[in-house]
Amino acid sequence: DMRVLEPYMMHTDPRGLVCGVTRQEWIREVNYVETVTGEVRGNHYHRETLEMFFIIDGRVRVSVRDVRTGEADERVFTKGDIFLVEPYELHTFHILADAKWINMLSKPVEGANPDFHASNA
């Protein structure tokens, strides 16, 4: 199963909202992503990298399958949702409504051989 996470803190006052998305020492790279309705992203897995996601806006159907066991999970995430993809979990994003999100990785994506592996395990 996909690990759905909760904010570590949430504060609202007359000025608005502050959401504590995460406090993780393992995060080495942070990216902002925008994708339009109908597109597909991901469709890969990592052998070493943990990847956390925070949905800022939109609607995203996320399919995850462990390439070693075949165990699968699928959920729809919307504004404010946070989830974690573990190593060897093939993850695919189907954009149901224009989406914006932040992804946080435990390994930077760099070099000639980044930790991205095709869906054919």
Protein backbone atom coordinates (compact mmCIF):
# COMPACT_ATOMS: atom_id res chain seq x y z
CA ASP A 1 0.00 0.00 0.00
CA MET A 2 1.02 3.56 -0.70
CA ARG A 3 2.04 5.44 2.43
CA VAL A 4 -0.32 8.38 2.88
CA LEU A 5 1.16 10.94 5.27
CA GLU A 6 -0.25 13.70 7.45
CA PRO A 7 1.17 17.21 7.87
CA TYR A 8 3.25 17.47 11.03
CA MET A 9 1.52 20.77 11.86
CA MET A 10 -1.49 22.79 10.71
CA HIS A 11 -2.23 26.36 11.83
CA THR A 12 -5.01 28.71 10.73
CA ASP A 13 -5.67 32.25 11.86
CA PRO A 14 -7.24 35.36 10.29
CA ARG A 15 -4.20 35.70 7.97
CA GLY A 16 -4.67 32.25 6.44
CA LEU A 17 -3.10 28.80 6.72
CA VAL A 18 0.32 27.35 7.47
CA CYS A 19 0.70 23.64 6.67
CA GLY A 20 3.80 21.81 7.94
CA VAL A 21 4.29 19.41 5.04
CA THR A 22 7.25 17.39 6.35
CA ARG A 23 10.34 17.30 8.55
CA GLN A 24 12.54 14.73 6.88
CA GLU A 25 16.34 14.79 7.11
CA TRP A 26 16.68 12.42 4.15
CA ILE A 27 15.39 14.92 1.54
CA ARG A 28 18.18 15.79 -0.94
CA GLU A 29 16.20 17.31 -3.83
CA VAL A 30 12.92 19.25 -4.10
CA ASN A 31 11.08 19.93 -7.38
CA TYR A 32 7.92 21.84 -8.34
CA VAL A 33 5.80 20.17 -11.06
CA GLU A 34 2.83 21.33 -13.14
CA THR A 35 0.93 19.01 -15.47
CA VAL A 36 -2.23 19.55 -17.52
CA THR A 37 -5.38 17.42 -17.49
CA GLY A 38 -5.14 14.17 -19.42
CA GLU A 39 -1.36 13.80 -19.27
CA VAL A 40 0.56 10.91 -17.67
CA ARG A 41 3.82 11.24 -15.72
CA GLY A 42 6.11 8.86 -13.90
CA ASN A 43 5.70 5.24 -14.98
CA HIS A 44 9.06 4.33 -13.48
CA TYR A 45 10.51 3.11 -10.20
CA HIS A 46 13.66 3.73 -8.19
CA ARG A 47 15.91 1.08 -6.68
CA GLU A 48 17.35 3.35 -3.99
CA THR A 49 15.36 6.59 -3.87
CA LEU A 50 12.47 7.47 -1.58
CA GLU A 51 10.12 10.00 -3.18
CA MET A 52 7.57 12.07 -1.27
CA PHE A 53 4.82 14.13 -2.93
CA PHE A 54 2.72 17.08 -1.76
CA ILE A 55 -0.23 17.97 -4.00
CA ILE A 56 -0.63 21.75 -4.13
CA ASP A 57 -3.63 21.78 -6.47
CA GLY A 58 -5.51 19.60 -8.93
CA ARG A 59 -6.55 15.98 -8.99
CA VAL A 60 -4.11 13.12 -9.62
CA ARG A 61 -4.81 9.38 -9.80
CA VAL A 62 -1.69 7.61 -8.59
CA SER A 63 -1.10 3.94 -9.40
CA VAL A 64 1.67 2.13 -7.53
CA ARG A 65 2.87 -1.45 -8.06
CA ASP A 66 5.74 -3.14 -6.25
CA VAL A 67 7.85 -4.58 -9.09
CA ARG A 68 9.12 -7.40 -6.83
CA THR A 69 5.83 -8.64 -5.35
CA GLY A 70 3.20 -7.35 -7.79
CA GLU A 71 1.24 -5.77 -4.90
CA ALA A 72 -0.66 -2.76 -6.26
CA ASP A 73 -2.53 0.29 -4.94
CA GLU A 74 -4.35 3.13 -6.65
CA ARG A 75 -5.73 6.34 -5.12
CA VAL A 76 -6.83 9.81 -6.14
CA PHE A 77 -4.99 12.68 -4.45
CA THR A 78 -6.07 16.31 -4.30
CA LYS A 79 -4.99 19.61 -2.76
CA GLY A 80 -3.08 19.15 0.50
CA ASP A 81 -2.50 15.39 0.20
CA ILE A 82 0.95 13.99 1.03
CA PHE A 83 2.22 10.51 0.15
CA LEU A 84 5.46 8.53 -0.05
CA VAL A 85 6.67 6.16 -2.77
CA GLU A 86 9.21 3.58 -1.60
CA PRO A 87 12.03 2.01 -3.65
CA TYR A 88 10.83 -0.63 -6.16
CA GLU A 89 7.34 0.90 -6.32
CA LEU A 90 6.48 1.65 -9.94
CA HIS A 91 4.53 4.91 -9.79
CA THR A 92 2.35 6.42 -12.50
CA PHE A 93 0.41 9.69 -12.33
CA HIS A 94 -2.77 10.22 -14.38
CA ILE A 95 -3.74 13.89 -14.27
CA LEU A 96 -7.50 14.19 -13.79
CA ALA A 97 -7.49 18.00 -13.35
CA ASP A 98 -4.62 20.45 -13.97
CA ALA A 99 -2.18 19.67 -11.17
CA LYS A 100 0.65 21.30 -9.27
CA TRP A 101 2.81 19.44 -6.80
CA ILE A 102 6.13 19.28 -5.03
CA ASN A 103 8.23 16.12 -5.09
CA MET A 104 11.03 15.48 -2.62
CA LEU A 105 13.70 12.84 -3.26
CA SER A 106 16.24 11.14 -1.03
CA LYS A 107 18.77 11.08 -3.91
CA PRO A 108 19.38 13.90 -6.36
CA VAL A 109 18.56 13.12 -9.98
CA GLU A 110 21.94 13.65 -11.58
CA GLY A 111 24.71 12.00 -13.54
CA ALA A 112 24.65 9.68 -16.50
CA ASN A 113 22.70 6.95 -14.70
CA PRO A 114 20.02 8.41 -12.40
CA ASP A 115 17.93 6.05 -10.28
CA PHE A 116 15.03 5.83 -12.80
CA HIS A 117 14.00 2.43 -14.12
CA ALA A 118 11.47 1.62 -16.83
CA SER A 119 8.14 0.03 -16.04
CA ASN A 120 9.15 -3.38 -17.43
CA ALA A 121 10.92 -4.35 -14.16
